[in-house]
Full PDB file with SEQRES, HELIX, SHEET, SSBOND, CRYST1, ORIGX, SCALE, CONECT and MASTER records, all heavy atoms in Angstrom:
SEQRES   1 A   34  LEU VAL ALA THR ILE ASN GLN LEU GLY TYR ILE ASN TYR          
SEQRES   2 A   34  ALA ASP ALA VAL LYS GLY ARG PHE THR ILE SER ARG ASP          
SEQRES   3 A   34  SER THR LYS ASP THR LEU HIS LEU                              
SHEET    1 AA1 2 ALA A   3  ILE A   5  0                                        
SHEET    2 AA1 2 ILE A  11  TYR A  13 -1                                        
SHEET    1 AA2 2 SER A  24  ASP A  26  0                                        
SHEET    2 AA2 2 THR A  31  HIS A  33 -1                                        
CRYST1    1.000    1.000    1.000  90.00  90.00  90.00 P 1           1          
ORIGX1      1.000000  0.000000  0.000000        0.00000                         
ORIGX2      0.000000  1.000000  0.000000        0.00000                         
ORIGX3      0.000000  0.000000  1.000000        0.00000                         
SCALE1      1.000000  0.000000  0.000000        0.00000                         
SCALE2      0.000000  1.000000  0.000000        0.00000                         
SCALE3      0.000000  0.000000  1.000000        0.00000                         
ATOM      1  N   LEU A   1      -7.673  19.838  19.285  1.00  0.00           N  
ATOM      2  CA  LEU A   1      -7.524  18.423  18.948  1.00  0.00           C  
ATOM      3  C   LEU A   1      -6.215  17.854  19.120  1.00  0.00           C  
ATOM      4  O   LEU A   1      -5.252  18.438  18.758  1.00  0.00           O  
ATOM      5  CB  LEU A   1      -7.944  18.284  17.517  1.00  0.00           C  
ATOM      6  CG  LEU A   1      -7.960  16.889  16.934  1.00  0.00           C  
ATOM      7  CD1 LEU A   1      -9.140  16.664  15.902  1.00  0.00           C  
ATOM      8  CD2 LEU A   1      -6.646  16.496  16.232  1.00  0.00           C  
ATOM      9  N   VAL A   2      -6.042  16.575  19.741  1.00  0.00           N  
ATOM     10  CA  VAL A   2      -4.769  15.966  19.790  1.00  0.00           C  
ATOM     11  C   VAL A   2      -4.882  14.774  18.775  1.00  0.00           C  
ATOM     12  O   VAL A   2      -3.956  14.588  17.907  1.00  0.00           O  
ATOM     13  CB  VAL A   2      -4.699  15.420  21.203  1.00  0.00           C  
ATOM     14  CG1 VAL A   2      -3.390  14.562  21.289  1.00  0.00           C  
ATOM     15  CG2 VAL A   2      -4.519  16.513  22.143  1.00  0.00           C  
ATOM     16  N   ALA A   3      -5.895  13.789  18.860  1.00  0.00           N  
ATOM     17  CA  ALA A   3      -5.909  12.789  17.922  1.00  0.00           C  
ATOM     18  C   ALA A   3      -7.331  12.124  17.911  1.00  0.00           C  
ATOM     19  O   ALA A   3      -8.069  12.321  18.981  1.00  0.00           O  
ATOM     20  CB  ALA A   3      -5.038  11.630  18.477  1.00  0.00           C  
ATOM     21  N   THR A   4      -7.837  11.666  16.804  1.00  0.00           N  
ATOM     22  CA  THR A   4      -9.081  11.040  16.760  1.00  0.00           C  
ATOM     23  C   THR A   4      -9.008   9.723  15.955  1.00  0.00           C  
ATOM     24  O   THR A   4      -8.072   9.525  15.215  1.00  0.00           O  
ATOM     25  CB  THR A   4     -10.117  11.937  16.028  1.00  0.00           C  
ATOM     26  OG1 THR A   4      -9.658  12.192  14.663  1.00  0.00           O  
ATOM     27  CG2 THR A   4     -10.337  13.302  16.754  1.00  0.00           C  
ATOM     28  N   ILE A   5      -9.982   8.858  16.253  1.00  0.00           N  
ATOM     29  CA  ILE A   5     -10.028   7.505  15.584  1.00  0.00           C  
ATOM     30  C   ILE A   5     -11.516   7.260  15.236  1.00  0.00           C  
ATOM     31  O   ILE A   5     -12.427   7.541  16.072  1.00  0.00           O  
ATOM     32  CB  ILE A   5      -9.423   6.500  16.337  1.00  0.00           C  
ATOM     33  CG1 ILE A   5      -9.470   5.061  15.552  1.00  0.00           C  
ATOM     34  CG2 ILE A   5     -10.090   6.254  17.720  1.00  0.00           C  
ATOM     35  CD1 ILE A   5      -8.594   4.120  16.172  1.00  0.00           C  
ATOM     36  N   ASN A   6     -11.922   6.866  13.938  1.00  0.00           N  
ATOM     37  CA  ASN A   6     -13.252   6.621  13.741  1.00  0.00           C  
ATOM     38  C   ASN A   6     -13.541   5.066  13.630  1.00  0.00           C  
ATOM     39  O   ASN A   6     -12.652   4.238  13.886  1.00  0.00           O  
ATOM     40  CB  ASN A   6     -13.742   7.298  12.394  1.00  0.00           C  
ATOM     41  CG  ASN A   6     -13.161   6.790  11.201  1.00  0.00           C  
ATOM     42  OD1 ASN A   6     -12.424   5.651  11.233  1.00  0.00           O  
ATOM     43  ND2 ASN A   6     -13.313   7.521   9.986  1.00  0.00           N  
ATOM     44  N   GLN A   7     -14.717   4.655  13.323  1.00  0.00           N  
ATOM     45  CA  GLN A   7     -15.181   3.349  13.446  1.00  0.00           C  
ATOM     46  C   GLN A   7     -14.415   2.507  12.418  1.00  0.00           C  
ATOM     47  O   GLN A   7     -14.145   1.310  12.572  1.00  0.00           O  
ATOM     48  CB  GLN A   7     -16.628   3.133  13.102  1.00  0.00           C  
ATOM     49  CG  GLN A   7     -17.577   3.446  14.244  1.00  0.00           C  
ATOM     50  CD  GLN A   7     -18.978   3.233  14.003  1.00  0.00           C  
ATOM     51  OE1 GLN A   7     -19.540   3.348  12.848  1.00  0.00           O  
ATOM     52  NE2 GLN A   7     -19.864   2.920  15.002  1.00  0.00           N  
ATOM     53  N   LEU A   8     -13.899   3.051  11.353  1.00  0.00           N  
ATOM     54  CA  LEU A   8     -13.148   2.383  10.304  1.00  0.00           C  
ATOM     55  C   LEU A   8     -11.650   2.220  10.695  1.00  0.00           C  
ATOM     56  O   LEU A   8     -10.967   1.634   9.943  1.00  0.00           O  
ATOM     57  CB  LEU A   8     -13.331   2.965   8.949  1.00  0.00           C  
ATOM     58  CG  LEU A   8     -14.804   3.121   8.358  1.00  0.00           C  
ATOM     59  CD1 LEU A   8     -14.818   3.799   7.173  1.00  0.00           C  
ATOM     60  CD2 LEU A   8     -15.420   1.636   8.379  1.00  0.00           C  
ATOM     61  N   GLY A   9     -11.318   2.872  11.773  1.00  0.00           N  
ATOM     62  CA  GLY A   9     -10.008   2.816  12.155  1.00  0.00           C  
ATOM     63  C   GLY A   9      -9.014   3.909  11.588  1.00  0.00           C  
ATOM     64  O   GLY A   9      -7.867   4.002  11.801  1.00  0.00           O  
ATOM     65  N   TYR A  10      -9.681   4.844  10.850  1.00  0.00           N  
ATOM     66  CA  TYR A  10      -8.955   5.982  10.310  1.00  0.00           C  
ATOM     67  C   TYR A  10      -8.462   6.960  11.533  1.00  0.00           C  
ATOM     68  O   TYR A  10      -9.391   7.393  12.378  1.00  0.00           O  
ATOM     69  CB  TYR A  10      -9.839   6.828   9.384  1.00  0.00           C  
ATOM     70  CG  TYR A  10      -9.142   8.050   8.786  1.00  0.00           C  
ATOM     71  CD1 TYR A  10      -8.212   7.929   7.820  1.00  0.00           C  
ATOM     72  CD2 TYR A  10      -9.341   9.320   9.356  1.00  0.00           C  
ATOM     73  CE1 TYR A  10      -7.496   9.006   7.278  1.00  0.00           C  
ATOM     74  CE2 TYR A  10      -8.761  10.517   8.893  1.00  0.00           C  
ATOM     75  CZ  TYR A  10      -7.823  10.304   7.930  1.00  0.00           C  
ATOM     76  OH  TYR A  10      -7.143  11.392   7.407  1.00  0.00           O  
ATOM     77  N   ILE A  11      -7.260   7.284  11.521  1.00  0.00           N  
ATOM     78  CA  ILE A  11      -6.561   8.111  12.677  1.00  0.00           C  
ATOM     79  C   ILE A  11      -6.168   9.354  12.100  1.00  0.00           C  
ATOM     80  O   ILE A  11      -5.522   9.442  11.018  1.00  0.00           O  
ATOM     81  CB  ILE A  11      -5.593   7.302  13.353  1.00  0.00           C  
ATOM     82  CG1 ILE A  11      -6.046   6.117  13.983  1.00  0.00           C  
ATOM     83  CG2 ILE A  11      -4.769   8.135  14.265  1.00  0.00           C  
ATOM     84  CD1 ILE A  11      -5.046   5.120  14.575  1.00  0.00           C  
ATOM     85  N   ASN A  12      -6.405  10.424  12.948  1.00  0.00           N  
ATOM     86  CA  ASN A  12      -5.892  11.702  12.651  1.00  0.00           C  
ATOM     87  C   ASN A  12      -5.162  12.226  13.819  1.00  0.00           C  
ATOM     88  O   ASN A  12      -5.711  12.198  14.920  1.00  0.00           O  
ATOM     89  CB  ASN A  12      -7.178  12.634  12.367  1.00  0.00           C  
ATOM     90  CG  ASN A  12      -6.671  14.127  11.891  1.00  0.00           C  
ATOM     91  OD1 ASN A  12      -5.762  14.227  11.063  1.00  0.00           O  
ATOM     92  ND2 ASN A  12      -7.350  14.973  12.399  1.00  0.00           N  
ATOM     93  N   TYR A  13      -3.917  12.944  13.658  1.00  0.00           N  
ATOM     94  CA  TYR A  13      -3.158  13.467  14.729  1.00  0.00           C  
ATOM     95  C   TYR A  13      -2.968  14.968  14.357  1.00  0.00           C  
ATOM     96  O   TYR A  13      -2.815  15.386  13.241  1.00  0.00           O  
ATOM     97  CB  TYR A  13      -1.843  12.798  14.842  1.00  0.00           C  
ATOM     98  CG  TYR A  13      -1.917  11.391  15.335  1.00  0.00           C  
ATOM     99  CD1 TYR A  13      -1.604  10.350  14.376  1.00  0.00           C  
ATOM    100  CD2 TYR A  13      -2.054  11.163  16.609  1.00  0.00           C  
ATOM    101  CE1 TYR A  13      -1.508   8.924  14.793  1.00  0.00           C  
ATOM    102  CE2 TYR A  13      -2.052   9.839  17.118  1.00  0.00           C  
ATOM    103  CZ  TYR A  13      -1.827   8.686  16.178  1.00  0.00           C  
ATOM    104  OH  TYR A  13      -1.902   7.408  16.570  1.00  0.00           O  
ATOM    105  N   ALA A  14      -2.877  15.821  15.455  1.00  0.00           N  
ATOM    106  CA  ALA A  14      -2.521  17.166  15.286  1.00  0.00           C  
ATOM    107  C   ALA A  14      -0.975  17.141  14.953  1.00  0.00           C  
ATOM    108  O   ALA A  14      -0.211  16.176  15.425  1.00  0.00           O  
ATOM    109  CB  ALA A  14      -2.629  17.911  16.659  1.00  0.00           C  
ATOM    110  N   ASP A  15      -0.519  18.110  14.187  1.00  0.00           N  
ATOM    111  CA  ASP A  15       0.786  18.145  13.837  1.00  0.00           C  
ATOM    112  C   ASP A  15       1.868  18.145  14.920  1.00  0.00           C  
ATOM    113  O   ASP A  15       2.834  17.595  15.022  1.00  0.00           O  
ATOM    114  CB  ASP A  15       1.082  19.338  12.964  1.00  0.00           C  
ATOM    115  CG  ASP A  15       0.448  19.270  11.580  1.00  0.00           C  
ATOM    116  OD1 ASP A  15       0.049  17.999  11.150  1.00  0.00           O  
ATOM    117  OD2 ASP A  15       0.395  20.244  10.801  1.00  0.00           O  
ATOM    118  N   ALA A  16       1.430  18.849  16.106  1.00  0.00           N  
ATOM    119  CA  ALA A  16       2.269  18.906  17.211  1.00  0.00           C  
ATOM    120  C   ALA A  16       2.661  17.688  17.894  1.00  0.00           C  
ATOM    121  O   ALA A  16       3.541  17.558  18.586  1.00  0.00           O  
ATOM    122  CB  ALA A  16       1.634  19.902  18.169  1.00  0.00           C  
ATOM    123  N   VAL A  17       1.717  16.653  17.620  1.00  0.00           N  
ATOM    124  CA  VAL A  17       1.975  15.367  18.338  1.00  0.00           C  
ATOM    125  C   VAL A  17       2.354  14.090  17.525  1.00  0.00           C  
ATOM    126  O   VAL A  17       2.625  13.017  17.899  1.00  0.00           O  
ATOM    127  CB  VAL A  17       0.835  14.959  19.083  1.00  0.00           C  
ATOM    128  CG1 VAL A  17       0.364  16.037  20.147  1.00  0.00           C  
ATOM    129  CG2 VAL A  17      -0.326  14.547  18.273  1.00  0.00           C  
ATOM    130  N   LYS A  18       2.369  14.373  16.063  1.00  0.00           N  
ATOM    131  CA  LYS A  18       2.668  13.313  15.221  1.00  0.00           C  
ATOM    132  C   LYS A  18       4.082  12.677  15.389  1.00  0.00           C  
ATOM    133  O   LYS A  18       5.007  13.457  15.812  1.00  0.00           O  
ATOM    134  CB  LYS A  18       2.621  13.847  13.781  1.00  0.00           C  
ATOM    135  CG  LYS A  18       1.282  14.031  13.292  1.00  0.00           C  
ATOM    136  CD  LYS A  18       1.155  14.476  11.722  1.00  0.00           C  
ATOM    137  CE  LYS A  18      -0.231  14.663  11.209  1.00  0.00           C  
ATOM    138  NZ  LYS A  18      -0.218  15.246   9.896  1.00  0.00           N  
ATOM    139  N   GLY A  19       4.152  11.344  15.445  1.00  0.00           N  
ATOM    140  CA  GLY A  19       5.399  10.775  15.748  1.00  0.00           C  
ATOM    141  C   GLY A  19       5.703  10.457  17.167  1.00  0.00           C  
ATOM    142  O   GLY A  19       6.767   9.857  17.625  1.00  0.00           O  
ATOM    143  N   ARG A  20       4.989  11.221  18.081  1.00  0.00           N  
ATOM    144  CA  ARG A  20       5.207  11.011  19.509  1.00  0.00           C  
ATOM    145  C   ARG A  20       3.916  10.326  20.303  1.00  0.00           C  
ATOM    146  O   ARG A  20       4.164   9.589  21.338  1.00  0.00           O  
ATOM    147  CB  ARG A  20       5.506  12.359  20.174  1.00  0.00           C  
ATOM    148  CG  ARG A  20       6.587  13.172  19.569  1.00  0.00           C  
ATOM    149  CD  ARG A  20       6.912  14.370  20.293  1.00  0.00           C  
ATOM    150  NE  ARG A  20       5.887  15.395  20.388  1.00  0.00           N  
ATOM    151  CZ  ARG A  20       5.256  15.900  21.389  1.00  0.00           C  
ATOM    152  NH1 ARG A  20       5.642  15.472  22.617  1.00  0.00           N  
ATOM    153  NH2 ARG A  20       4.279  16.778  21.182  1.00  0.00           N  
ATOM    154  N   PHE A  21       2.848  10.751  19.687  1.00  0.00           N  
ATOM    155  CA  PHE A  21       1.477  10.127  20.434  1.00  0.00           C  
ATOM    156  C   PHE A  21       0.856   9.061  19.574  1.00  0.00           C  
ATOM    157  O   PHE A  21       0.992   9.097  18.233  1.00  0.00           O  
ATOM    158  CB  PHE A  21       0.563  11.278  20.700  1.00  0.00           C  
ATOM    159  CG  PHE A  21       1.009  12.447  21.698  1.00  0.00           C  
ATOM    160  CD1 PHE A  21       2.175  12.260  22.206  1.00  0.00           C  
ATOM    161  CD2 PHE A  21      -0.082  13.239  22.168  1.00  0.00           C  
ATOM    162  CE1 PHE A  21       2.448  13.325  23.237  1.00  0.00           C  
ATOM    163  CE2 PHE A  21       0.293  14.223  23.003  1.00  0.00           C  
ATOM    164  CZ  PHE A  21       1.525  14.255  23.500  1.00  0.00           C  
ATOM    165  N   THR A  22       0.318   8.077  20.224  1.00  0.00           N  
ATOM    166  CA  THR A  22      -0.421   7.013  19.516  1.00  0.00           C  
ATOM    167  C   THR A  22      -1.775   6.879  20.216  1.00  0.00           C  
ATOM    168  O   THR A  22      -1.929   6.524  21.349  1.00  0.00           O  
ATOM    169  CB  THR A  22       0.297   5.726  19.573  1.00  0.00           C  
ATOM    170  OG1 THR A  22       1.609   6.001  18.974  1.00  0.00           O  
ATOM    171  CG2 THR A  22      -0.369   4.679  18.677  1.00  0.00           C  
ATOM    172  N   ILE A  23      -2.854   6.937  19.292  1.00  0.00           N  
ATOM    173  CA  ILE A  23      -4.279   6.631  19.902  1.00  0.00           C  
ATOM    174  C   ILE A  23      -4.564   5.310  19.544  1.00  0.00           C  
ATOM    175  O   ILE A  23      -4.130   4.841  18.411  1.00  0.00           O  
ATOM    176  CB  ILE A  23      -5.221   7.669  19.227  1.00  0.00           C  
ATOM    177  CG1 ILE A  23      -6.579   7.592  19.892  1.00  0.00           C  
ATOM    178  CG2 ILE A  23      -5.330   7.608  17.793  1.00  0.00           C  
ATOM    179  CD1 ILE A  23      -7.606   8.649  19.481  1.00  0.00           C  
ATOM    180  N   SER A  24      -5.219   4.574  20.380  1.00  0.00           N  
ATOM    181  CA  SER A  24      -5.688   3.143  20.190  1.00  0.00           C  
ATOM    182  C   SER A  24      -7.062   2.945  20.994  1.00  0.00           C  
ATOM    183  O   SER A  24      -7.283   3.754  21.852  1.00  0.00           O  
ATOM    184  CB  SER A  24      -4.599   2.339  20.486  1.00  0.00           C  
ATOM    185  OG  SER A  24      -4.328   2.218  21.887  1.00  0.00           O  
ATOM    186  N   ARG A  25      -7.760   1.936  20.503  1.00  0.00           N  
ATOM    187  CA  ARG A  25      -8.919   1.577  21.272  1.00  0.00           C  
ATOM    188  C   ARG A  25      -8.880   0.024  21.569  1.00  0.00           C  
ATOM    189  O   ARG A  25      -8.322  -0.796  20.708  1.00  0.00           O  
ATOM    190  CB  ARG A  25     -10.182   1.897  20.477  1.00  0.00           C  
ATOM    191  CG  ARG A  25     -10.125   1.313  19.148  1.00  0.00           C  
ATOM    192  CD  ARG A  25     -11.212   1.848  18.210  1.00  0.00           C  
ATOM    193  NE  ARG A  25     -11.169   1.291  16.942  1.00  0.00           N  
ATOM    194  CZ  ARG A  25     -11.908   1.745  15.835  1.00  0.00           C  
ATOM    195  NH1 ARG A  25     -12.781   2.779  16.126  1.00  0.00           N  
ATOM    196  NH2 ARG A  25     -11.709   1.082  14.842  1.00  0.00           N  
ATOM    197  N   ASP A  26      -9.464  -0.377  22.598  1.00  0.00           N  
ATOM    198  CA  ASP A  26      -9.554  -1.699  22.933  1.00  0.00           C  
ATOM    199  C   ASP A  26     -11.060  -2.053  23.156  1.00  0.00           C  
ATOM    200  O   ASP A  26     -11.695  -1.718  24.190  1.00  0.00           O  
ATOM    201  CB  ASP A  26      -8.757  -1.905  24.408  1.00  0.00           C  
ATOM    202  CG  ASP A  26      -8.750  -3.486  24.699  1.00  0.00           C  
ATOM    203  OD1 ASP A  26      -9.585  -4.225  24.235  1.00  0.00           O  
ATOM    204  OD2 ASP A  26      -8.056  -3.809  25.643  1.00  0.00           O  
ATOM    205  N   SER A  27     -11.643  -2.622  22.094  1.00  0.00           N  
ATOM    206  CA  SER A  27     -13.008  -2.879  22.125  1.00  0.00           C  
ATOM    207  C   SER A  27     -13.531  -3.922  23.238  1.00  0.00           C  
ATOM    208  O   SER A  27     -14.654  -3.918  23.593  1.00  0.00           O  
ATOM    209  CB  SER A  27     -13.621  -3.232  20.770  1.00  0.00           C  
ATOM    210  OG  SER A  27     -13.315  -2.220  19.862  1.00  0.00           O  
ATOM    211  N   THR A  28     -12.581  -4.787  23.607  1.00  0.00           N  
ATOM    212  CA  THR A  28     -12.920  -5.830  24.501  1.00  0.00           C  
ATOM    213  C   THR A  28     -13.092  -5.184  25.999  1.00  0.00           C  
ATOM    214  O   THR A  28     -13.778  -5.760  26.771  1.00  0.00           O  
ATOM    215  CB  THR A  28     -11.833  -6.853  24.633  1.00  0.00           C  
ATOM    216  OG1 THR A  28     -10.545  -6.346  25.031  1.00  0.00           O  
ATOM    217  CG2 THR A  28     -11.587  -7.463  23.241  1.00  0.00           C  
ATOM    218  N   LYS A  29     -12.492  -4.006  26.237  1.00  0.00           N  
ATOM    219  CA  LYS A  29     -12.533  -3.448  27.492  1.00  0.00           C  
ATOM    220  C   LYS A  29     -13.196  -2.102  27.392  1.00  0.00           C  
ATOM    221  O   LYS A  29     -13.255  -1.292  28.329  1.00  0.00           O  
ATOM    222  CB  LYS A  29     -11.181  -3.144  28.054  1.00  0.00           C  
ATOM    223  CG  LYS A  29     -10.476  -4.428  28.234  1.00  0.00           C  
ATOM    224  CD  LYS A  29      -9.048  -4.299  28.978  1.00  0.00           C  
ATOM    225  CE  LYS A  29      -8.415  -5.555  29.273  1.00  0.00           C  
ATOM    226  NZ  LYS A  29      -6.984  -5.384  29.916  1.00  0.00           N  
ATOM    227  N   ASP A  30     -13.755  -1.689  26.157  1.00  0.00           N  
ATOM    228  CA  ASP A  30     -14.440  -0.417  25.930  1.00  0.00           C  
ATOM    229  C   ASP A  30     -13.566   0.690  26.482  1.00  0.00           C  
ATOM    230  O   ASP A  30     -14.069   1.499  27.227  1.00  0.00           O  
ATOM    231  CB  ASP A  30     -15.853  -0.514  26.594  1.00  0.00           C  
ATOM    232  CG  ASP A  30     -16.752  -1.437  26.037  1.00  0.00           C  
ATOM    233  OD1 ASP A  30     -16.801  -1.461  24.719  1.00  0.00           O  
ATOM    234  OD2 ASP A  30     -17.466  -2.219  26.760  1.00  0.00           O  
ATOM    235  N   THR A  31     -12.402   0.859  25.980  1.00  0.00           N  
ATOM    236  CA  THR A  31     -11.328   1.803  26.446  1.00  0.00           C  
ATOM    237  C   THR A  31     -10.656   2.356  25.322  1.00  0.00           C  
ATOM    238  O   THR A  31     -10.252   1.637  24.435  1.00  0.00           O  
ATOM    239  CB  THR A  31     -10.493   1.154  27.522  1.00  0.00           C  
ATOM    240  OG1 THR A  31     -11.221   0.560  28.613  1.00  0.00           O  
ATOM    241  CG2 THR A  31      -9.541   2.165  28.067  1.00  0.00           C  
ATOM    242  N   LEU A  32     -10.521   3.770  25.362  1.00  0.00           N  
ATOM    243  CA  LEU A  32      -9.687   4.382  24.460  1.00  0.00           C  
ATOM    244  C   LEU A  32      -8.217   4.812  25.057  1.00  0.00           C  
ATOM    245  O   LEU A  32      -8.430   5.159  26.274  1.00  0.00           O  
ATOM    246  CB  LEU A  32     -10.338   5.625  24.027  1.00  0.00           C  
ATOM    247  CG  LEU A  32      -9.713   6.501  22.943  1.00  0.00           C  
ATOM    248  CD1 LEU A  32      -9.815   5.880  21.636  1.00  0.00           C  
ATOM    249  CD2 LEU A  32     -10.394   7.884  22.943  1.00  0.00           C  
ATOM    250  N   HIS A  33      -7.219   4.759  24.374  1.00  0.00           N  
ATOM    251  CA  HIS A  33      -5.937   4.991  24.920  1.00  0.00           C  
ATOM    252  C   HIS A  33      -5.276   6.131  24.152  1.00  0.00           C  
ATOM    253  O   HIS A  33      -5.555   6.300  23.154  1.00  0.00           O  
ATOM    254  CB  HIS A  33      -5.044   3.704  24.908  1.00  0.00           C  
ATOM    255  CG  HIS A  33      -5.532   2.721  25.805  1.00  0.00           C  
ATOM    256  ND1 HIS A  33      -5.613   2.704  27.296  1.00  0.00           N  
ATOM    257  CD2 HIS A  33      -6.020   1.504  25.569  1.00  0.00           C  
ATOM    258  CE1 HIS A  33      -6.134   1.633  27.756  1.00  0.00           C  
ATOM    259  NE2 HIS A  33      -6.435   0.743  26.699  1.00  0.00           N  
ATOM    260  N   LEU A  34      -4.326   6.701  24.911  1.00  0.00           N  
ATOM    261  CA  LEU A  34      -3.443   7.797  24.182  1.00  0.00           C  
ATOM    262  C   LEU A  34      -2.044   7.510  24.870  1.00  0.00           C  
ATOM    263  O   LEU A  34      -1.791   7.867  25.957  1.00  0.00           O  
ATOM    264  CB  LEU A  34      -3.849   9.196  24.351  1.00  0.00           C  
ATOM    265  CG  LEU A  34      -3.033  10.148  23.590  1.00  0.00           C  
ATOM    266  CD1 LEU A  34      -3.216  10.042  22.114  1.00  0.00           C  
ATOM    267  CD2 LEU A  34      -3.390  11.560  24.143  1.00  0.00           C  
TER     268      LEU A  34                                                      
MASTER        0    0    0    0    4    0    0    6  267    1    0    3          
END                                                                             
């Protein structure tokens, strides 16, 4: 696992990437980003 995001917007990161990686989603474009 690197990162997850659920419908409520709760985000979870692996310890190895915390502070460096950011997960986000764009519902208008149906796209997930890292």
